Amino acid sequence: MNANWHFATEEHLHMFLANPEKYAPQYGGYCAYAVSNNGLADIDPEQFHIYEDKLYLNYNARIQQEWLPEKLERIEAANENFPNLVD
């Protein structure tokens, strides 16, 4: 998806190359909270959460604190919304 990836070690690079889909953020790298609200927003790369081996990113720390307690409902909503946001 034309993203630039940075790796801390060569081992991490090889892990990524073996299964890049595993490491790709959900919703094209947009904020999971925004997508759950049927919108798109940039993210702070330090505001991430891994749930069931999937990477979710958030706009900022405050948004992440709102997203975390509701993540199951918000993931469900985001999964429904995202295909329509990127068409």
PDB file of N, CA and C in Angstrom:
ATOM      1  N   MET A   1       0.832  -1.198   0.000  1.00  0.00           N
ATOM      2  CA  MET A   1       0.000   0.000   0.000  1.00  0.00           C
ATOM      3  C   MET A   1       0.870   1.252   0.000  1.00  0.00           C
ATOM      4  N   ASN A   2       2.059   1.139  -0.549  1.00  0.00           N
ATOM      5  CA  ASN A   2       2.984   2.267  -0.683  1.00  0.00           C
ATOM      6  C   ASN A   2       3.393   2.885   0.649  1.00  0.00           C
ATOM      7  N   ALA A   3       3.406   2.111   1.703  1.00  0.00           N
ATOM      8  CA  ALA A   3       3.826   2.606   3.016  1.00  0.00           C
ATOM      9  C   ALA A   3       5.326   2.425   3.173  1.00  0.00           C
ATOM     10  N   ASN A   4       5.928   3.290   3.960  1.00  0.00           N
ATOM     11  CA  ASN A   4       7.330   3.139   4.334  1.00  0.00           C
ATOM     12  C   ASN A   4       7.379   2.407   5.662  1.00  0.00           C
ATOM     13  N   TRP A   5       8.131   1.325   5.705  1.00  0.00           N
ATOM     14  CA  TRP A   5       8.244   0.527   6.921  1.00  0.00           C
ATOM     15  C   TRP A   5       9.637   0.699   7.498  1.00  0.00           C
ATOM     16  N   HIS A   6       9.719   0.782   8.807  1.00  0.00           N
ATOM     17  CA  HIS A   6      10.998   0.896   9.507  1.00  0.00           C
ATOM     18  C   HIS A   6      11.080  -0.240  10.516  1.00  0.00           C
ATOM     19  N   PHE A   7      12.217  -0.882  10.584  1.00  0.00           N
ATOM     20  CA  PHE A   7      12.381  -2.044  11.452  1.00  0.00           C
ATOM     21  C   PHE A   7      13.527  -1.815  12.418  1.00  0.00           C
ATOM     22  N   ALA A   8      13.328  -2.232  13.639  1.00  0.00           N
ATOM     23  CA  ALA A   8      14.359  -2.077  14.666  1.00  0.00           C
ATOM     24  C   ALA A   8      15.519  -3.037  14.450  1.00  0.00           C
ATOM     25  N   THR A   9      15.220  -4.204  13.892  1.00  0.00           N
ATOM     26  CA  THR A   9      16.262  -5.199  13.681  1.00  0.00           C
ATOM     27  C   THR A   9      16.025  -5.916  12.355  1.00  0.00           C
ATOM     28  N   GLU A  10      17.051  -6.580  11.884  1.00  0.00           N
ATOM     29  CA  GLU A  10      16.920  -7.381  10.671  1.00  0.00           C
ATOM     30  C   GLU A  10      15.960  -8.547  10.908  1.00  0.00           C
ATOM     31  N   GLU A  11      15.953  -9.072  12.125  1.00  0.00           N
ATOM     32  CA  GLU A  11      15.019 -10.143  12.470  1.00  0.00           C
ATOM     33  C   GLU A  11      13.574  -9.681  12.283  1.00  0.00           C
ATOM     34  N   HIS A  12      13.276  -8.453  12.711  1.00  0.00           N
ATOM     35  CA  HIS A  12      11.922  -7.924  12.541  1.00  0.00           C
ATOM     36  C   HIS A  12      11.571  -7.784  11.059  1.00  0.00           C
ATOM     37  N   LEU A  13      12.533  -7.362  10.255  1.00  0.00           N
ATOM     38  CA  LEU A  13      12.320  -7.275   8.818  1.00  0.00           C
ATOM     39  C   LEU A  13      11.939  -8.638   8.251  1.00  0.00           C
ATOM     40  N   HIS A  14      12.657  -9.684   8.636  1.00  0.00           N
ATOM     41  CA  HIS A  14      12.385 -11.030   8.116  1.00  0.00           C
ATOM     42  C   HIS A  14      11.028 -11.544   8.602  1.00  0.00           C
ATOM     43  N   MET A  15      10.666 -11.214   9.832  1.00  0.00           N
ATOM     44  CA  MET A  15       9.341 -11.601  10.333  1.00  0.00           C
ATOM     45  C   MET A  15       8.257 -10.932   9.487  1.00  0.00           C
ATOM     46  N   PHE A  16       8.449  -9.665   9.172  1.00  0.00           N
ATOM     47  CA  PHE A  16       7.500  -8.934   8.340  1.00  0.00           C
ATOM     48  C   PHE A  16       7.409  -9.539   6.943  1.00  0.00           C
ATOM     49  N   LEU A  17       8.545  -9.788   6.330  1.00  0.00           N
ATOM     50  CA  LEU A  17       8.557 -10.322   4.971  1.00  0.00           C
ATOM     51  C   LEU A  17       7.882 -11.693   4.881  1.00  0.00           C
ATOM     52  N   ALA A  18       7.938 -12.452   5.958  1.00  0.00           N
ATOM     53  CA  ALA A  18       7.308 -13.773   5.974  1.00  0.00           C
ATOM     54  C   ALA A  18       5.780 -13.691   6.006  1.00  0.00           C
ATOM     55  N   ASN A  19       5.244 -12.590   6.548  1.00  0.00           N
ATOM     56  CA  ASN A  19       3.788 -12.471   6.672  1.00  0.00           C
ATOM     57  C   ASN A  19       3.391 -10.994   6.783  1.00  0.00           C
ATOM     58  N   PRO A  20       3.519 -10.220   5.719  1.00  0.00           N
ATOM     59  CA  PRO A  20       3.271  -8.779   5.817  1.00  0.00           C
ATOM     60  C   PRO A  20       1.838  -8.419   6.216  1.00  0.00           C
ATOM     61  N   GLU A  21       0.863  -9.221   5.823  1.00  0.00           N
ATOM     62  CA  GLU A  21      -0.526  -8.923   6.168  1.00  0.00           C
ATOM     63  C   GLU A  21      -0.746  -8.917   7.682  1.00  0.00           C
ATOM     64  N   LYS A  22       0.000  -9.748   8.378  1.00  0.00           N
ATOM     65  CA  LYS A  22      -0.133  -9.827   9.828  1.00  0.00           C
ATOM     66  C   LYS A  22       0.216  -8.497  10.490  1.00  0.00           C
ATOM     67  N   TYR A  23       1.141  -7.764   9.897  1.00  0.00           N
ATOM     68  CA  TYR A  23       1.639  -6.543  10.519  1.00  0.00           C
ATOM     69  C   TYR A  23       0.983  -5.273   9.975  1.00  0.00           C
ATOM     70  N   ALA A  24       0.181  -5.409   8.961  1.00  0.00           N
ATOM     71  CA  ALA A  24      -0.480  -4.236   8.389  1.00  0.00           C
ATOM     72  C   ALA A  24      -1.555  -3.726   9.346  1.00  0.00           C
ATOM     73  N   PRO A  25      -1.629  -2.414   9.540  1.00  0.00           N
ATOM     74  CA  PRO A  25      -2.673  -1.882  10.423  1.00  0.00           C
ATOM     75  C   PRO A  25      -4.055  -2.050   9.802  1.00  0.00           C
ATOM     76  N   GLN A  26      -5.029  -2.167  10.645  1.00  0.00           N
ATOM     77  CA  GLN A  26      -6.402  -2.267  10.189  1.00  0.00           C
ATOM     78  C   GLN A  26      -6.841  -0.925   9.598  1.00  0.00           C
ATOM     79  N   TYR A  27      -7.805  -0.980   8.717  1.00  0.00           N
ATOM     80  CA  TYR A  27      -8.441   0.207   8.124  1.00  0.00           C
ATOM     81  C   TYR A  27      -7.448   1.097   7.383  1.00  0.00           C
ATOM     82  N   GLY A  28      -6.500   0.463   6.725  1.00  0.00           N
ATOM     83  CA  GLY A  28      -5.567   1.202   5.896  1.00  0.00           C
ATOM     84  C   GLY A  28      -4.666   2.153   6.649  1.00  0.00           C
ATOM     85  N   GLY A  29      -4.569   1.970   7.961  1.00  0.00           N
ATOM     86  CA  GLY A  29      -3.731   2.841   8.773  1.00  0.00           C
ATOM     87  C   GLY A  29      -4.448   4.068   9.293  1.00  0.00           C
ATOM     88  N   TYR A  30      -5.743   4.175   9.028  1.00  0.00           N
ATOM     89  CA  TYR A  30      -6.530   5.288   9.579  1.00  0.00           C
ATOM     90  C   TYR A  30      -6.930   4.981  11.017  1.00  0.00           C
ATOM     91  N   CYS A  31      -7.335   6.002  11.728  1.00  0.00           N
ATOM     92  CA  CYS A  31      -7.763   5.870  13.116  1.00  0.00           C
ATOM     93  C   CYS A  31      -8.975   4.953  13.228  1.00  0.00           C
ATOM     94  N   ALA A  32      -8.860   3.916  14.030  1.00  0.00           N
ATOM     95  CA  ALA A  32      -9.949   2.949  14.206  1.00  0.00           C
ATOM     96  C   ALA A  32     -11.191   3.601  14.802  1.00  0.00           C
ATOM     97  N   TYR A  33     -11.005   4.549  15.700  1.00  0.00           N
ATOM     98  CA  TYR A  33     -12.131   5.260  16.310  1.00  0.00           C
ATOM     99  C   TYR A  33     -12.881   6.061  15.250  1.00  0.00           C
ATOM    100  N   ALA A  34     -12.146   6.786  14.419  1.00  0.00           N
ATOM    101  CA  ALA A  34     -12.777   7.575  13.360  1.00  0.00           C
ATOM    102  C   ALA A  34     -13.540   6.681  12.394  1.00  0.00           C
ATOM    103  N   VAL A  35     -12.945   5.575  11.997  1.00  0.00           N
ATOM    104  CA  VAL A  35     -13.608   4.665  11.068  1.00  0.00           C
ATOM    105  C   VAL A  35     -14.876   4.102  11.703  1.00  0.00           C
ATOM    106  N   SER A  36     -14.842   3.841  12.999  1.00  0.00           N
ATOM    107  CA  SER A  36     -16.049   3.336  13.670  1.00  0.00           C
ATOM    108  C   SER A  36     -17.161   4.379  13.678  1.00  0.00           C
ATOM    109  N   ASN A  37     -16.778   5.662  13.521  1.00  0.00           N
ATOM    110  CA  ASN A  37     -17.749   6.754  13.425  1.00  0.00           C
ATOM    111  C   ASN A  37     -18.001   7.159  11.980  1.00  0.00           C
ATOM    112  N   ASN A  38     -17.626   6.286  11.043  1.00  0.00           N
ATOM    113  CA  ASN A  38     -17.852   6.477   9.619  1.00  0.00           C
ATOM    114  C   ASN A  38     -17.064   7.660   9.053  1.00  0.00           C
ATOM    115  N   GLY A  39     -15.827   7.819   9.537  1.00  0.00           N
ATOM    116  CA  GLY A  39     -14.958   8.868   9.032  1.00  0.00           C
ATOM    117  C   GLY A  39     -13.528   8.385   8.955  1.00  0.00           C
ATOM    118  N   LEU A  40     -12.665   9.244   8.430  1.00  0.00           N
ATOM    119  CA  LEU A  40     -11.247   8.937   8.325  1.00  0.00           C
ATOM    120  C   LEU A  40     -10.459  10.007   9.067  1.00  0.00           C
ATOM    121  N   ALA A  41      -9.429   9.598   9.778  1.00  0.00           N
ATOM    122  CA  ALA A  41      -8.556  10.529  10.485  1.00  0.00           C
ATOM    123  C   ALA A  41      -7.146   9.954  10.525  1.00  0.00           C
ATOM    124  N   ASP A  42      -6.174  10.854  10.526  1.00  0.00           N
ATOM    125  CA  ASP A  42      -4.777  10.448  10.671  1.00  0.00           C
ATOM    126  C   ASP A  42      -4.569   9.849  12.059  1.00  0.00           C
ATOM    127  N   ILE A  43      -3.374   9.338  12.281  1.00  0.00           N
ATOM    128  CA  ILE A  43      -3.079   8.657  13.546  1.00  0.00           C
ATOM    129  C   ILE A  43      -1.777   9.158  14.148  1.00  0.00           C
ATOM    130  N   ASP A  44      -1.626   8.882  15.415  1.00  0.00           N
ATOM    131  CA  ASP A  44      -0.358   9.050  16.115  1.00  0.00           C
ATOM    132  C   ASP A  44       0.236   7.646  16.194  1.00  0.00           C
ATOM    133  N   PRO A  45       1.373   7.393  15.551  1.00  0.00           N
ATOM    134  CA  PRO A  45       1.895   6.022  15.520  1.00  0.00           C
ATOM    135  C   PRO A  45       2.209   5.433  16.894  1.00  0.00           C
ATOM    136  N   GLU A  46       2.269   6.271  17.906  1.00  0.00           N
ATOM    137  CA  GLU A  46       2.512   5.756  19.253  1.00  0.00           C
ATOM    138  C   GLU A  46       1.229   5.330  19.952  1.00  0.00           C
ATOM    139  N   GLN A  47       0.083   5.596  19.338  1.00  0.00           N
ATOM    140  CA  GLN A  47      -1.206   5.216  19.920  1.00  0.00           C
ATOM    141  C   GLN A  47      -1.741   4.002  19.169  1.00  0.00           C
ATOM    142  N   PHE A  48      -1.309   2.844  19.594  1.00  0.00           N
ATOM    143  CA  PHE A  48      -1.709   1.609  18.925  1.00  0.00           C
ATOM    144  C   PHE A  48      -2.162   0.599  19.962  1.00  0.00           C
ATOM    145  N   HIS A  49      -2.907  -0.381  19.468  1.00  0.00           N
ATOM    146  CA  HIS A  49      -3.379  -1.467  20.324  1.00  0.00           C
ATOM    147  C   HIS A  49      -3.455  -2.712  19.451  1.00  0.00           C
ATOM    148  N   ILE A  50      -2.959  -3.816  19.965  1.00  0.00           N
ATOM    149  CA  ILE A  50      -3.041  -5.082  19.242  1.00  0.00           C
ATOM    150  C   ILE A  50      -4.105  -5.920  19.923  1.00  0.00           C
ATOM    151  N   TYR A  51      -5.080  -6.335  19.131  1.00  0.00           N
ATOM    152  CA  TYR A  51      -6.171  -7.151  19.645  1.00  0.00           C
ATOM    153  C   TYR A  51      -6.389  -8.300  18.671  1.00  0.00           C
ATOM    154  N   GLU A  52      -6.357  -9.515  19.171  1.00  0.00           N
ATOM    155  CA  GLU A  52      -6.506 -10.732  18.356  1.00  0.00           C
ATOM    156  C   GLU A  52      -5.566 -10.695  17.154  1.00  0.00           C
ATOM    157  N   ASP A  53      -4.301 -10.361  17.430  1.00  0.00           N
ATOM    158  CA  ASP A  53      -3.242 -10.315  16.417  1.00  0.00           C
ATOM    159  C   ASP A  53      -3.488  -9.305  15.304  1.00  0.00           C
ATOM    160  N   LYS A  54      -4.277  -8.273  15.574  1.00  0.00           N
ATOM    161  CA  LYS A  54      -4.508  -7.210  14.598  1.00  0.00           C
ATOM    162  C   LYS A  54      -4.104  -5.882  15.219  1.00  0.00           C
ATOM    163  N   LEU A  55      -3.508  -5.038  14.394  1.00  0.00           N
ATOM    164  CA  LEU A  55      -3.008  -3.744  14.833  1.00  0.00           C
ATOM    165  C   LEU A  55      -4.041  -2.658  14.564  1.00  0.00           C
ATOM    166  N   TYR A  56      -4.426  -1.953  15.622  1.00  0.00           N
ATOM    167  CA  TYR A  56      -5.372  -0.842  15.533  1.00  0.00           C
ATOM    168  C   TYR A  56      -4.654   0.436  15.954  1.00  0.00           C
ATOM    169  N   LEU A  57      -4.850   1.493  15.177  1.00  0.00           N
ATOM    170  CA  LEU A  57      -4.202   2.769  15.435  1.00  0.00           C
ATOM    171  C   LEU A  57      -5.247   3.809  15.805  1.00  0.00           C
ATOM    172  N   ASN A  58      -4.826   4.819  16.575  1.00  0.00           N
ATOM    173  CA  ASN A  58      -5.740   5.880  16.976  1.00  0.00           C
ATOM    174  C   ASN A  58      -5.129   7.254  16.741  1.00  0.00           C
ATOM    175  N   TYR A  59      -5.998   8.244  16.665  1.00  0.00           N
ATOM    176  CA  TYR A  59      -5.636   9.633  16.379  1.00  0.00           C
ATOM    177  C   TYR A  59      -4.714  10.222  17.438  1.00  0.00           C
ATOM    178  N   ASN A  60      -5.052  10.001  18.703  1.00  0.00           N
ATOM    179  CA  ASN A  60      -4.225  10.503  19.798  1.00  0.00           C
ATOM    180  C   ASN A  60      -4.534   9.702  21.063  1.00  0.00           C
ATOM    181  N   ALA A  61      -3.862  10.016  22.158  1.00  0.00           N
ATOM    182  CA  ALA A  61      -4.019   9.253  23.405  1.00  0.00           C
ATOM    183  C   ALA A  61      -5.429   9.382  23.975  1.00  0.00           C
ATOM    184  N   ARG A  62      -6.025  10.566  23.878  1.00  0.00           N
ATOM    185  CA  ARG A  62      -7.383  10.755  24.406  1.00  0.00           C
ATOM    186  C   ARG A  62      -8.388   9.894  23.646  1.00  0.00           C
ATOM    187  N   ILE A  63      -8.278   9.884  22.333  1.00  0.00           N
ATOM    188  CA  ILE A  63      -9.179   9.061  21.517  1.00  0.00           C
ATOM    189  C   ILE A  63      -8.962   7.588  21.822  1.00  0.00           C
ATOM    190  N   GLN A  64      -7.725   7.175  22.004  1.00  0.00           N
ATOM    191  CA  GLN A  64      -7.477   5.775  22.309  1.00  0.00           C
ATOM    192  C   GLN A  64      -8.133   5.377  23.625  1.00  0.00           C
ATOM    193  N   GLN A  65      -8.109   6.260  24.601  1.00  0.00           N
ATOM    194  CA  GLN A  65      -8.741   5.958  25.891  1.00  0.00           C
ATOM    195  C   GLN A  65     -10.255   5.837  25.756  1.00  0.00           C
ATOM    196  N   GLU A  66     -10.851   6.525  24.788  1.00  0.00           N
ATOM    197  CA  GLU A  66     -12.286   6.373  24.512  1.00  0.00           C
ATOM    198  C   GLU A  66     -12.546   5.076  23.744  1.00  0.00           C
ATOM    199  N   TRP A  67     -11.632   4.736  22.839  1.00  0.00           N
ATOM    200  CA  TRP A  67     -11.812   3.572  21.970  1.00  0.00           C
ATOM    201  C   TRP A  67     -11.649   2.253  22.727  1.00  0.00           C
ATOM    202  N   LEU A  68     -10.674   2.177  23.604  1.00  0.00           N
ATOM    203  CA  LEU A  68     -10.339   0.905  24.254  1.00  0.00           C
ATOM    204  C   LEU A  68     -11.506   0.242  24.991  1.00  0.00           C
ATOM    205  N   PRO A  69     -12.252   0.937  25.854  1.00  0.00           N
ATOM    206  CA  PRO A  69     -13.324   0.240  26.572  1.00  0.00           C
ATOM    207  C   PRO A  69     -14.473  -0.226  25.670  1.00  0.00           C
ATOM    208  N   GLU A  70     -14.559   0.366  24.484  1.00  0.00           N
ATOM    209  CA  GLU A  70     -15.642   0.039  23.547  1.00  0.00           C
ATOM    210  C   GLU A  70     -15.126  -0.676  22.300  1.00  0.00           C
ATOM    211  N   LYS A  71     -13.897  -1.198  22.366  1.00  0.00           N
ATOM    212  CA  LYS A  71     -13.252  -1.675  21.149  1.00  0.00           C
ATOM    213  C   LYS A  71     -14.047  -2.745  20.401  1.00  0.00           C
ATOM    214  N   LEU A  72     -14.705  -3.650  21.098  1.00  0.00           N
ATOM    215  CA  LEU A  72     -15.432  -4.709  20.383  1.00  0.00           C
ATOM    216  C   LEU A  72     -16.549  -4.127  19.525  1.00  0.00           C
ATOM    217  N   GLU A  73     -17.328  -3.222  20.097  1.00  0.00           N
ATOM    218  CA  GLU A  73     -18.411  -2.592  19.341  1.00  0.00           C
ATOM    219  C   GLU A  73     -17.854  -1.700  18.237  1.00  0.00           C
ATOM    220  N   ARG A  74     -16.775  -0.999  18.554  1.00  0.00           N
ATOM    221  CA  ARG A  74     -16.189  -0.077  17.575  1.00  0.00           C
ATOM    222  C   ARG A  74     -15.525  -0.834  16.421  1.00  0.00           C
ATOM    223  N   ILE A  75     -14.904  -1.963  16.693  1.00  0.00           N
ATOM    224  CA  ILE A  75     -14.319  -2.785  15.626  1.00  0.00           C
ATOM    225  C   ILE A  75     -15.425  -3.287  14.711  1.00  0.00           C
ATOM    226  N   GLU A  76     -16.510  -3.735  15.293  1.00  0.00           N
ATOM    227  CA  GLU A  76     -17.640  -4.203  14.483  1.00  0.00           C
ATOM    228  C   GLU A  76     -18.155  -3.085  13.580  1.00  0.00           C
ATOM    229  N   ALA A  77     -18.342  -1.890  14.134  1.00  0.00           N
ATOM    230  CA  ALA A  77     -18.818  -0.758  13.338  1.00  0.00           C
ATOM    231  C   ALA A  77     -17.795  -0.375  12.271  1.00  0.00           C
ATOM    232  N   ALA A  78     -16.532  -0.340  12.636  1.00  0.00           N
ATOM    233  CA  ALA A  78     -15.484   0.030  11.682  1.00  0.00           C
ATOM    234  C   ALA A  78     -15.395  -0.982  10.545  1.00  0.00           C
ATOM    235  N   ASN A  79     -15.532  -2.258  10.866  1.00  0.00           N
ATOM    236  CA  ASN A  79     -15.501  -3.285   9.819  1.00  0.00           C
ATOM    237  C   ASN A  79     -16.626  -3.077   8.813  1.00  0.00           C
ATOM    238  N   GLU A  80     -17.775  -2.621   9.271  1.00  0.00           N
ATOM    239  CA  GLU A  80     -18.894  -2.331   8.363  1.00  0.00           C
ATOM    240  C   GLU A  80     -18.644  -1.047   7.577  1.00  0.00           C
ATOM    241  N   ASN A  81     -18.104  -0.029   8.230  1.00  0.00           N
ATOM    242  CA  ASN A  81     -17.951   1.289   7.612  1.00  0.00           C
ATOM    243  C   ASN A  81     -16.799   1.377   6.618  1.00  0.00           C
ATOM    244  N   PHE A  82     -15.694   0.724   6.904  1.00  0.00           N
ATOM    245  CA  PHE A  82     -14.474   0.958   6.142  1.00  0.00           C
ATOM    246  C   PHE A  82     -14.607   0.705   4.637  1.00  0.00           C
ATOM    247  N   PRO A  83     -15.235  -0.356   4.208  1.00  0.00           N
ATOM    248  CA  PRO A  83     -15.310  -0.570   2.747  1.00  0.00           C
ATOM    249  C   PRO A  83     -15.970   0.605   2.006  1.00  0.00           C
ATOM    250  N   ASN A  84     -16.941   1.239   2.615  1.00  0.00           N
ATOM    251  CA  ASN A  84     -17.633   2.367   1.973  1.00  0.00           C
ATOM    252  C   ASN A  84     -16.813   3.659   2.029  1.00  0.00           C
ATOM    253  N   LEU A  85     -15.892   3.742   2.969  1.00  0.00           N
ATOM    254  CA  LEU A  85     -15.086   4.954   3.098  1.00  0.00           C
ATOM    255  C   LEU A  85     -13.962   5.033   2.078  1.00  0.00           C
ATOM    256  N   VAL A  86     -13.546   3.912   1.558  1.00  0.00           N
ATOM    257  CA  VAL A  86     -12.412   3.903   0.639  1.00  0.00           C
ATOM    258  C   VAL A  86     -12.796   3.614  -0.801  1.00  0.00           C
ATOM    259  N   ASP A  87     -14.064   3.489  -1.082  1.00  0.00           N
ATOM    260  CA  ASP A  87     -14.496   3.257  -2.494  1.00  0.00           C
ATOM    261  C   ASP A  87     -14.348   4.509  -3.316  1.00  0.00           C
TER     262      ASP A  87
END
